[in-house]
Amino acid sequence: GMRIGVAPNFGCGRCEACKLNMANMCADYSAFGIDMDGSHTGFVRVPAAVIAQGNIAVLPENVAWDQAALAEPLSCVLNGQNSVDLKAGESVAVYGAGPMGLLHVALGVARGANPIVVVDTNAERLGKAKEVGATVTVDSSRESVPERVKEATGGRGLDIVFTAVSVAQIAPEALQLLAPFGRLCLFAGLLKGKSEVTLDANLIHYRNLVVTGTSGGCNADYRAAMDLIVSGRVDVRPVISHVVPMSTMGDAYELALAGKGLKIVMRGE
């Protein structure tokens, strides 16, 4: 039969965001796995309206299920990189070498970013970032991030920074790393009640900086992300640390909650 991938967010179909085909920004959205049955079930009913809204991507024979499963997280990363218009030759830093940070690196490599600086405190994850294509890795518990960025960019500063870890005090530091006309994408959300940060408004003013954020991705991002995986332009395999059968779903949660591994893919029997 036909193999398909389903983008999870489904909009109301009536609001401004939905008219722009951006269900991820619909105030009244539904989502598989949130208020509709998701991929923890053996069978999922996909309503006709979801199909009509363009949430379906047909998978070609040559793409493995495990890799196709990462199209949704990659679509969020694609949305983030599009929001700051990442172009070939631009210098980039990514805070956080978890699964999303690594996908930012992989997509940054595909888009020709150089150098790509990755900041984390976990040596194993920084090693993984190198494997995925980071040019410079910085352990922020031992090294000065601004110093290492200065070195990597010949003193100029960065074109773009992505925050891919939920640590509030990263944003003010990230802003200082930017060259004139630089862009900061606040990609990771912060804990409720702990999301207020202080940014130096003069840095933004005098350096002509742009500060933005993205949440999720739209259906076009999902299909574009699937194409990137299918074509091999973005290799998501290094980001998959475990493949766990549905029957031992508890193990997948234990791994995730313990912070062990990266993306954990669950497979039907």
Protein backbone atom coordinates (compact mmCIF):
# COMPACT_ATOMS: atom_id res chain seq x y z
CA GLY A 1 0.00 0.00 0.00
CA MET A 2 0.91 3.68 -0.05
CA ARG A 3 3.23 4.91 2.71
CA ILE A 4 2.53 8.40 3.96
CA GLY A 5 3.78 10.91 6.49
CA VAL A 6 1.34 13.23 8.22
CA ALA A 7 2.22 16.76 9.39
CA PRO A 8 0.72 16.90 12.89
CA ASN A 9 -0.79 20.41 13.16
CA PHE A 10 -4.27 20.95 11.77
CA GLY A 11 -5.75 24.47 11.70
CA CYS A 12 -9.31 25.78 12.01
CA GLY A 13 -9.26 26.60 8.29
CA ARG A 14 -10.85 30.04 8.75
CA CYS A 15 -8.33 32.38 10.43
CA GLU A 16 -5.57 34.52 8.87
CA ALA A 17 -2.86 31.95 9.69
CA CYS A 18 -4.87 29.17 8.02
CA LYS A 19 -5.50 31.31 4.94
CA LEU A 20 -1.69 31.59 4.68
CA ASN A 21 -1.42 27.77 5.10
CA MET A 22 0.30 28.17 8.47
CA ALA A 23 -1.69 25.86 10.72
CA ASN A 24 1.22 25.97 13.20
CA MET A 25 0.20 29.59 13.94
CA CYS A 26 -3.55 28.95 14.18
CA ALA A 27 -4.90 30.00 17.59
CA ASP A 28 -7.48 27.20 17.50
CA TYR A 29 -5.45 24.30 16.11
CA SER A 30 -5.64 20.58 16.72
CA ALA A 31 -2.68 18.21 16.57
CA PHE A 32 -2.18 14.49 16.28
CA GLY A 33 -0.82 13.24 19.59
CA ILE A 34 -2.20 16.24 21.52
CA ASP A 35 -5.98 16.44 21.16
CA MET A 36 -6.26 13.75 18.46
CA ASP A 37 -4.92 10.17 18.47
CA GLY A 38 -1.25 10.18 17.51
CA SER A 39 1.46 7.71 16.64
CA HIS A 40 1.24 5.70 19.90
CA THR A 41 -1.78 3.91 18.44
CA GLY A 42 -1.80 1.05 15.95
CA PHE A 43 -4.16 2.92 13.62
CA VAL A 44 -4.87 6.63 13.30
CA ARG A 45 -7.90 8.15 11.59
CA VAL A 46 -6.84 11.06 9.38
CA PRO A 47 -9.92 13.24 8.75
CA ALA A 48 -10.67 14.30 5.16
CA ALA A 49 -10.25 17.96 6.16
CA VAL A 50 -6.66 17.22 7.23
CA ILE A 51 -5.92 15.69 3.83
CA ALA A 52 -7.59 18.67 2.11
CA GLN A 53 -5.39 21.04 4.13
CA GLY A 54 -2.28 19.42 2.62
CA ASN A 55 -0.88 17.60 5.67
CA ILE A 56 0.02 14.45 3.74
CA ALA A 57 3.42 13.65 2.25
CA VAL A 58 3.67 10.49 0.14
CA LEU A 59 6.86 8.59 0.97
CA PRO A 60 8.89 7.18 -1.91
CA GLU A 61 10.05 3.56 -1.65
CA ASN A 62 13.68 4.47 -0.98
CA VAL A 63 13.17 6.34 2.31
CA ALA A 64 13.39 4.39 5.58
CA TRP A 65 10.54 4.83 8.08
CA ASP A 66 12.96 5.82 10.84
CA GLN A 67 14.37 8.70 8.81
CA ALA A 68 10.96 9.82 7.51
CA ALA A 69 9.83 10.10 11.15
CA LEU A 70 12.24 13.01 11.57
CA ALA A 71 10.57 15.15 8.90
CA GLU A 72 8.44 16.91 11.52
CA PRO A 73 11.32 18.03 13.78
CA LEU A 74 13.32 18.96 10.67
CA SER A 75 10.34 21.05 9.46
CA CYS A 76 10.56 23.12 12.67
CA VAL A 77 14.28 23.68 12.04
CA LEU A 78 13.60 24.63 8.42
CA ASN A 79 11.01 27.18 9.58
CA GLY A 80 13.56 28.63 12.03
CA GLN A 81 16.28 28.92 9.38
CA ASN A 82 13.88 30.45 6.85
CA SER A 83 12.79 33.05 9.43
CA VAL A 84 16.32 34.46 9.51
CA ASP A 85 16.96 33.81 5.80
CA LEU A 86 20.10 31.72 6.31
CA LYS A 87 22.19 31.99 3.14
CA ALA A 88 25.31 30.15 1.90
CA GLY A 89 28.54 31.52 3.39
CA GLU A 90 26.92 32.98 6.51
CA SER A 91 28.40 32.30 9.93
CA VAL A 92 26.13 30.57 12.42
CA ALA A 93 26.13 29.51 16.06
CA VAL A 94 23.77 26.97 17.60
CA TYR A 95 23.33 26.83 21.37
CA GLY A 96 22.48 23.25 22.32
CA ALA A 97 23.69 20.01 20.73
CA GLY A 98 20.54 18.01 21.46
CA PRO A 99 18.50 16.55 18.60
CA MET A 100 17.12 19.91 17.44
CA GLY A 101 20.50 21.65 17.67
CA LEU A 102 22.06 18.84 15.63
CA LEU A 103 19.33 19.17 12.99
CA HIS A 104 20.15 22.91 12.84
CA VAL A 105 23.77 21.94 12.15
CA ALA A 106 22.83 19.37 9.49
CA LEU A 107 20.53 21.82 7.69
CA GLY A 108 23.09 24.63 8.10
CA VAL A 109 25.67 22.43 6.37
CA ALA A 110 23.21 21.71 3.54
CA ARG A 111 22.59 25.44 3.13
CA GLY A 112 26.31 26.26 3.00
CA ALA A 113 26.71 28.00 6.37
CA ASN A 114 30.33 28.47 7.45
CA PRO A 115 31.63 28.49 10.12
CA ILE A 116 29.06 26.64 12.25
CA VAL A 117 29.79 27.03 15.98
CA VAL A 118 28.01 24.73 18.44
CA VAL A 119 27.82 25.49 22.16
CA ASP A 120 26.97 22.88 24.83
CA THR A 121 28.33 21.53 28.12
CA ASN A 122 28.08 17.84 27.19
CA ALA A 123 31.29 16.55 25.60
CA GLU A 124 29.58 13.56 23.99
CA ARG A 125 26.98 15.78 22.33
CA LEU A 126 29.67 18.22 21.16
CA GLY A 127 31.44 15.25 19.55
CA LYS A 128 28.20 14.38 17.79
CA ALA A 129 27.91 18.00 16.55
CA LYS A 130 31.38 17.66 14.94
CA GLU A 131 30.25 14.43 13.29
CA VAL A 132 27.19 16.18 11.84
CA GLY A 133 29.34 19.03 10.45
CA ALA A 134 29.99 21.67 13.11
CA THR A 135 33.27 23.48 12.40
CA VAL A 136 33.82 24.74 15.97
CA THR A 137 32.53 23.27 19.22
CA VAL A 138 32.59 25.20 22.49
CA ASP A 139 32.13 23.77 25.99
CA SER A 140 30.55 26.77 27.71
CA SER A 141 31.27 25.33 31.18
CA ARG A 142 35.02 25.59 30.47
CA GLU A 143 35.46 28.20 27.74
CA SER A 144 34.30 31.74 26.94
CA VAL A 145 31.78 31.59 24.12
CA PRO A 146 32.38 35.23 23.00
CA GLU A 147 36.16 34.58 22.85
CA ARG A 148 35.80 31.42 20.77
CA VAL A 149 33.29 33.13 18.42
CA LYS A 150 35.68 36.08 17.97
CA GLU A 151 38.40 33.62 17.03
CA ALA A 152 36.14 31.67 14.63
CA THR A 153 34.91 34.79 12.82
CA GLY A 154 38.14 36.84 12.76
CA GLY A 155 36.64 39.29 15.25
CA ARG A 156 33.63 40.13 13.09
CA GLY A 157 30.91 38.28 14.96
CA LEU A 158 28.19 35.98 13.67
CA ASP A 159 25.47 36.43 11.07
CA ILE A 160 22.97 34.17 12.84
CA VAL A 161 22.48 32.52 16.23
CA PHE A 162 19.89 29.84 17.05
CA THR A 163 18.98 29.01 20.64
CA ALA A 164 18.14 25.29 20.66
CA VAL A 165 18.13 24.72 24.40
CA SER A 166 15.74 26.05 27.06
CA VAL A 167 18.15 28.17 29.13
CA ALA A 168 16.98 31.76 29.61
CA GLN A 169 20.37 33.47 30.08
CA ILE A 170 21.57 32.32 26.64
CA ALA A 171 19.57 35.01 24.78
CA PRO A 172 21.44 38.05 26.19
CA GLU A 173 24.81 36.39 25.47
CA ALA A 174 23.73 35.27 21.99
CA LEU A 175 22.79 38.85 21.10
CA GLN A 176 26.32 40.04 21.90
CA LEU A 177 27.83 37.53 19.47
CA LEU A 178 26.15 39.05 16.42
CA ALA A 179 27.85 41.12 13.73
CA PRO A 180 26.04 44.15 12.29
CA PHE A 181 22.81 43.05 10.56
CA GLY A 182 22.93 39.78 12.51
CA ARG A 183 19.82 37.76 13.36
CA LEU A 184 18.92 35.92 16.57
CA CYS A 185 16.31 33.16 16.32
CA LEU A 186 14.83 32.21 19.69
CA PHE A 187 14.07 28.69 18.54
CA ALA A 188 13.67 26.90 21.87
CA GLY A 189 10.83 27.84 24.16
CA LEU A 190 11.48 28.54 27.86
CA LEU A 191 9.65 27.31 30.95
CA LYS A 192 6.47 29.23 31.78
CA GLY A 193 7.17 31.83 34.42
CA LYS A 194 10.90 31.71 33.61
CA SER A 195 10.84 33.24 30.16
CA GLU A 196 11.69 36.87 30.90
CA VAL A 197 15.16 37.92 29.77
CA THR A 198 16.95 41.26 29.54
CA LEU A 199 18.27 42.19 26.10
CA ASP A 200 20.53 45.17 25.46
CA ALA A 201 18.28 47.37 23.27
CA ASN A 202 21.26 49.49 22.18
CA LEU A 203 22.99 46.44 20.70
CA ILE A 204 19.87 45.81 18.62
CA HIS A 205 19.63 49.49 17.71
CA TYR A 206 23.25 50.29 16.79
CA ARG A 207 24.04 46.99 15.11
CA ASN A 208 20.76 46.79 13.16
CA LEU A 209 19.97 43.37 14.62
CA VAL A 210 16.86 41.26 14.16
CA VAL A 211 15.45 39.16 17.01
CA THR A 212 12.76 36.66 16.10
CA GLY A 213 11.37 33.30 17.12
CA THR A 214 9.58 30.38 15.50
CA SER A 215 7.31 27.63 16.74
CA GLY A 216 6.67 24.48 14.74
CA GLY A 217 6.49 24.45 10.98
CA CYS A 218 3.74 24.63 8.36
CA ASN A 219 2.74 21.93 5.87
CA ALA A 220 5.03 23.36 3.19
CA ASP A 221 7.93 23.12 5.68
CA TYR A 222 6.97 19.50 6.40
CA ARG A 223 6.96 18.53 2.75
CA ALA A 224 10.21 20.44 2.10
CA ALA A 225 11.83 18.70 5.10
CA MET A 226 10.69 15.31 3.78
CA ASP A 227 12.26 16.17 0.40
CA LEU A 228 15.55 17.08 2.11
CA ILE A 229 15.59 13.68 3.86
CA VAL A 230 14.50 11.68 0.80
CA SER A 231 17.09 13.36 -1.45
CA GLY A 232 19.84 12.75 1.11
CA ARG A 233 20.71 16.44 1.30
CA VAL A 234 20.14 16.27 5.06
CA ASP A 235 21.26 13.05 6.73
CA VAL A 236 19.14 12.63 9.87
CA ARG A 237 20.61 9.24 10.82
CA PRO A 238 23.20 10.62 13.31
CA VAL A 239 20.33 12.20 15.26
CA ILE A 240 18.54 8.86 15.77
CA SER A 241 20.06 7.20 18.83
CA HIS A 242 17.51 4.44 19.46
CA VAL A 243 14.78 2.60 17.57
CA VAL A 244 12.36 1.04 20.04
CA PRO A 245 9.43 -1.27 19.17
CA MET A 246 5.95 -0.13 20.28
CA SER A 247 5.69 -3.13 22.61
CA THR A 248 8.49 -1.71 24.80
CA MET A 249 7.29 1.90 24.64
CA GLY A 250 8.09 2.29 28.36
CA ASP A 251 11.79 1.89 27.54
CA ALA A 252 11.59 4.78 25.07
CA TYR A 253 10.15 7.04 27.78
CA GLU A 254 12.77 5.96 30.31
CA LEU A 255 15.55 6.79 27.84
CA ALA A 256 14.00 10.15 27.01
CA LEU A 257 13.33 11.15 30.63
CA ALA A 258 16.86 10.16 31.65
CA GLY A 259 18.20 12.51 28.95
CA LYS A 260 20.01 9.56 27.38
CA GLY A 261 20.29 9.43 23.64
CA LEU A 262 18.97 11.84 21.04
CA LYS A 263 15.88 11.18 18.91
CA ILE A 264 14.19 7.93 19.93
CA VAL A 265 12.10 6.46 17.12
CA MET A 266 9.28 4.09 17.99
CA ARG A 267 8.39 1.39 15.48
CA GLY A 268 5.23 -0.61 14.94
CA GLU A 269 5.76 -4.39 15.23
